[in-house]
Amino acid sequence: MVTNKFDNTLAAIELNAARKLHWDYNQFKDCFNFTVNKEAIEIALKNPIEESQLESLKQALLDYGFQYKKTVNSFVLIFEQDVELR
């Protein structure tokens, strides 16, 4: 039951990010691969994105309490849940 609720939240995060980027959902899924790892969300970039798109993506996750932490190998973005919101 908890997994289903989180899956719905993850889908909402993805939809919010696509909306902020002004992309349709399929275009968004073609560019990004979301993975949940403990209390973090890892986003693998399938293609490079512009800085303005990265900022929109960061804001979309921040809307749900996930803050940008780091980039790994230029193509994996790590977002962790805000400690104050846990």
N, C-alpha and C. Protein backbone atom coordinates (compact mmCIF):
# COMPACT_ATOMS: atom_id res chain seq x y z
N MET A 1 0.82 -1.19 0.00
CA MET A 1 0.00 0.00 0.00
C MET A 1 0.86 1.26 0.00
N VAL A 2 1.91 1.28 0.82
CA VAL A 2 2.79 2.44 0.87
C VAL A 2 3.50 2.62 -0.47
N THR A 3 3.93 1.51 -1.09
CA THR A 3 4.61 1.59 -2.38
C THR A 3 3.70 2.22 -3.42
N ASN A 4 2.44 1.82 -3.46
CA ASN A 4 1.50 2.38 -4.41
C ASN A 4 1.34 3.88 -4.21
N LYS A 5 1.28 4.33 -2.96
CA LYS A 5 1.16 5.77 -2.68
C LYS A 5 2.41 6.50 -3.16
N PHE A 6 3.60 5.91 -2.93
CA PHE A 6 4.82 6.56 -3.38
C PHE A 6 4.91 6.54 -4.90
N ASP A 7 4.46 5.44 -5.54
CA ASP A 7 4.43 5.39 -7.00
C ASP A 7 3.58 6.53 -7.56
N ASN A 8 2.43 6.78 -6.91
CA ASN A 8 1.57 7.88 -7.33
C ASN A 8 2.26 9.22 -7.14
N THR A 9 2.99 9.37 -6.04
CA THR A 9 3.73 10.60 -5.78
C THR A 9 4.84 10.79 -6.82
N LEU A 10 5.55 9.70 -7.13
CA LEU A 10 6.61 9.78 -8.14
C LEU A 10 6.03 10.17 -9.50
N ALA A 11 4.89 9.61 -9.85
CA ALA A 11 4.24 9.98 -11.11
C ALA A 11 3.84 11.45 -11.10
N ALA A 12 3.36 11.94 -9.96
CA ALA A 12 3.00 13.36 -9.84
C ALA A 12 4.24 14.24 -9.99
N ILE A 13 5.35 13.82 -9.42
CA ILE A 13 6.60 14.57 -9.55
C ILE A 13 7.02 14.63 -11.02
N GLU A 14 6.94 13.48 -11.70
CA GLU A 14 7.30 13.44 -13.12
C GLU A 14 6.39 14.35 -13.95
N LEU A 15 5.10 14.29 -13.69
CA LEU A 15 4.16 15.14 -14.43
C LEU A 15 4.42 16.62 -14.16
N ASN A 16 4.71 16.96 -12.90
CA ASN A 16 5.02 18.34 -12.55
C ASN A 16 6.29 18.81 -13.27
N ALA A 17 7.29 17.95 -13.31
CA ALA A 17 8.54 18.31 -13.99
C ALA A 17 8.31 18.50 -15.48
N ALA A 18 7.54 17.61 -16.10
CA ALA A 18 7.24 17.74 -17.53
C ALA A 18 6.51 19.06 -17.80
N ARG A 19 5.55 19.38 -16.93
CA ARG A 19 4.79 20.63 -17.08
C ARG A 19 5.71 21.85 -16.96
N LYS A 20 6.61 21.83 -15.99
CA LYS A 20 7.52 22.97 -15.80
C LYS A 20 8.48 23.13 -16.98
N LEU A 21 8.80 22.02 -17.63
CA LEU A 21 9.68 22.06 -18.81
C LEU A 21 8.90 22.39 -20.09
N HIS A 22 7.56 22.42 -19.99
CA HIS A 22 6.69 22.64 -21.15
C HIS A 22 6.84 21.50 -22.16
N TRP A 23 6.98 20.29 -21.65
CA TRP A 23 7.10 19.09 -22.48
C TRP A 23 5.88 18.22 -22.24
N ASP A 24 5.55 17.38 -23.24
CA ASP A 24 4.52 16.39 -22.95
C ASP A 24 5.19 15.24 -22.19
N TYR A 25 4.37 14.43 -21.54
CA TYR A 25 4.89 13.39 -20.64
C TYR A 25 5.77 12.38 -21.38
N ASN A 26 5.39 12.01 -22.61
CA ASN A 26 6.18 11.04 -23.38
C ASN A 26 7.56 11.60 -23.73
N GLN A 27 7.61 12.86 -24.09
CA GLN A 27 8.90 13.51 -24.37
C GLN A 27 9.76 13.50 -23.11
N PHE A 28 9.13 13.76 -21.97
CA PHE A 28 9.84 13.76 -20.70
C PHE A 28 10.42 12.39 -20.39
N LYS A 29 9.60 11.34 -20.54
CA LYS A 29 10.05 9.97 -20.24
C LYS A 29 11.15 9.52 -21.21
N ASP A 30 11.17 10.08 -22.42
CA ASP A 30 12.22 9.75 -23.38
C ASP A 30 13.56 10.36 -22.99
N CYS A 31 13.54 11.39 -22.16
CA CYS A 31 14.76 12.11 -21.80
C CYS A 31 15.29 11.72 -20.41
N PHE A 32 14.39 11.32 -19.50
CA PHE A 32 14.76 11.06 -18.11
C PHE A 32 14.32 9.68 -17.65
N ASN A 33 15.13 9.08 -16.77
CA ASN A 33 14.78 7.82 -16.14
C ASN A 33 14.88 8.02 -14.63
N PHE A 34 13.75 7.96 -13.93
CA PHE A 34 13.71 8.16 -12.48
C PHE A 34 13.90 6.83 -11.76
N THR A 35 14.74 6.82 -10.73
CA THR A 35 14.94 5.66 -9.87
C THR A 35 14.89 6.12 -8.42
N VAL A 36 14.19 5.36 -7.60
CA VAL A 36 14.13 5.67 -6.18
C VAL A 36 15.17 4.82 -5.47
N ASN A 37 16.02 5.46 -4.67
CA ASN A 37 17.09 4.79 -3.95
C ASN A 37 17.02 5.26 -2.49
N LYS A 38 16.42 4.45 -1.64
CA LYS A 38 16.19 4.80 -0.23
C LYS A 38 15.40 6.09 -0.16
N GLU A 39 15.95 7.16 0.38
CA GLU A 39 15.23 8.42 0.52
C GLU A 39 15.66 9.44 -0.53
N ALA A 40 16.21 8.94 -1.63
CA ALA A 40 16.66 9.82 -2.70
C ALA A 40 16.02 9.42 -4.02
N ILE A 41 15.95 10.38 -4.91
CA ILE A 41 15.52 10.12 -6.28
C ILE A 41 16.73 10.36 -7.17
N GLU A 42 17.05 9.37 -7.98
CA GLU A 42 18.13 9.50 -8.95
C GLU A 42 17.49 9.66 -10.32
N ILE A 43 17.95 10.66 -11.05
CA ILE A 43 17.42 10.91 -12.39
C ILE A 43 18.56 10.76 -13.38
N ALA A 44 18.44 9.74 -14.22
CA ALA A 44 19.44 9.52 -15.27
C ALA A 44 19.01 10.30 -16.50
N LEU A 45 19.91 11.09 -17.01
CA LEU A 45 19.66 11.86 -18.23
C LEU A 45 20.05 11.00 -19.42
N LYS A 46 19.13 10.83 -20.34
CA LYS A 46 19.42 10.07 -21.54
C LYS A 46 20.12 10.94 -22.58
N ASN A 47 19.93 12.25 -22.46
CA ASN A 47 20.56 13.24 -23.33
C ASN A 47 20.90 14.46 -22.49
N PRO A 48 21.92 15.21 -22.89
CA PRO A 48 22.24 16.44 -22.15
C PRO A 48 21.06 17.42 -22.20
N ILE A 49 20.92 18.22 -21.14
CA ILE A 49 19.88 19.25 -21.12
C ILE A 49 20.52 20.60 -20.87
N GLU A 50 19.78 21.64 -21.20
CA GLU A 50 20.26 23.00 -21.01
C GLU A 50 20.17 23.38 -19.53
N GLU A 51 20.94 24.38 -19.15
CA GLU A 51 20.95 24.84 -17.75
C GLU A 51 19.57 25.28 -17.30
N SER A 52 18.83 25.98 -18.18
CA SER A 52 17.49 26.43 -17.81
C SER A 52 16.55 25.25 -17.58
N GLN A 53 16.72 24.16 -18.34
CA GLN A 53 15.92 22.96 -18.14
C GLN A 53 16.28 22.29 -16.82
N LEU A 54 17.56 22.30 -16.50
CA LEU A 54 18.00 21.73 -15.22
C LEU A 54 17.39 22.51 -14.06
N GLU A 55 17.36 23.82 -14.16
CA GLU A 55 16.76 24.64 -13.10
C GLU A 55 15.26 24.36 -12.96
N SER A 56 14.57 24.16 -14.07
CA SER A 56 13.14 23.83 -14.02
C SER A 56 12.94 22.46 -13.36
N LEU A 57 13.80 21.52 -13.67
CA LEU A 57 13.73 20.19 -13.08
C LEU A 57 13.97 20.25 -11.57
N LYS A 58 14.97 21.03 -11.16
CA LYS A 58 15.26 21.20 -9.73
C LYS A 58 14.05 21.79 -9.00
N GLN A 59 13.40 22.79 -9.62
CA GLN A 59 12.24 23.42 -8.98
C GLN A 59 11.07 22.45 -8.88
N ALA A 60 10.89 21.63 -9.89
CA ALA A 60 9.79 20.66 -9.88
C ALA A 60 9.95 19.66 -8.74
N LEU A 61 11.17 19.22 -8.48
CA LEU A 61 11.38 18.29 -7.38
C LEU A 61 11.32 19.00 -6.04
N LEU A 62 11.76 20.24 -6.00
CA LEU A 62 11.68 21.02 -4.76
C LEU A 62 10.22 21.23 -4.35
N ASP A 63 9.33 21.33 -5.33
CA ASP A 63 7.89 21.45 -5.05
C ASP A 63 7.39 20.29 -4.20
N TYR A 64 8.05 19.14 -4.29
CA TYR A 64 7.67 17.94 -3.54
C TYR A 64 8.64 17.65 -2.39
N GLY A 65 9.49 18.61 -2.06
CA GLY A 65 10.37 18.46 -0.91
C GLY A 65 11.68 17.76 -1.18
N PHE A 66 12.06 17.61 -2.45
CA PHE A 66 13.33 16.98 -2.79
C PHE A 66 14.31 18.05 -3.27
N GLN A 67 15.45 18.12 -2.60
CA GLN A 67 16.46 19.12 -2.94
C GLN A 67 17.57 18.48 -3.75
N TYR A 68 18.09 19.24 -4.71
CA TYR A 68 19.21 18.79 -5.52
C TYR A 68 20.44 18.65 -4.62
N LYS A 69 21.15 17.51 -4.74
CA LYS A 69 22.35 17.29 -3.93
C LYS A 69 23.61 17.26 -4.76
N LYS A 70 23.59 16.49 -5.87
CA LYS A 70 24.81 16.41 -6.67
C LYS A 70 24.53 15.78 -8.02
N THR A 71 25.52 15.89 -8.90
CA THR A 71 25.50 15.23 -10.20
C THR A 71 26.62 14.21 -10.23
N VAL A 72 26.32 13.02 -10.70
CA VAL A 72 27.31 11.96 -10.80
C VAL A 72 27.55 11.67 -12.28
N ASN A 73 28.79 11.69 -12.70
CA ASN A 73 29.17 11.37 -14.09
C ASN A 73 28.43 12.21 -15.13
N SER A 74 28.04 13.40 -14.80
CA SER A 74 27.37 14.36 -15.70
C SER A 74 25.99 13.92 -16.18
N PHE A 75 25.57 12.69 -15.86
CA PHE A 75 24.30 12.23 -16.38
C PHE A 75 23.36 11.65 -15.33
N VAL A 76 23.72 11.69 -14.06
CA VAL A 76 22.83 11.22 -13.00
C VAL A 76 22.71 12.33 -11.96
N LEU A 77 21.49 12.80 -11.78
CA LEU A 77 21.21 13.85 -10.81
C LEU A 77 20.63 13.20 -9.56
N ILE A 78 21.11 13.60 -8.39
CA ILE A 78 20.64 13.05 -7.12
C ILE A 78 19.85 14.12 -6.38
N PHE A 79 18.64 13.76 -5.96
CA PHE A 79 17.79 14.64 -5.17
C PHE A 79 17.43 13.90 -3.90
N GLU A 80 17.56 14.58 -2.76
CA GLU A 80 17.20 13.97 -1.48
C GLU A 80 16.07 14.74 -0.86
N GLN A 81 15.25 14.02 -0.10
CA GLN A 81 14.12 14.65 0.57
C GLN A 81 14.63 15.61 1.62
N ASP A 82 14.01 16.77 1.68
CA ASP A 82 14.38 17.79 2.65
C ASP A 82 14.22 17.23 4.05
N VAL A 83 15.29 17.29 4.82
CA VAL A 83 15.31 16.73 6.17
C VAL A 83 14.22 17.34 7.04
N GLU A 84 13.95 18.61 6.87
CA GLU A 84 12.93 19.30 7.68
C GLU A 84 11.53 18.79 7.39
N LEU A 85 11.30 18.19 6.21
CA LEU A 85 9.97 17.72 5.85
C LEU A 85 9.73 16.27 6.22
N ARG A 86 10.78 15.53 6.62
CA ARG A 86 10.63 14.11 6.92
C ARG A 86 9.84 13.89 8.17
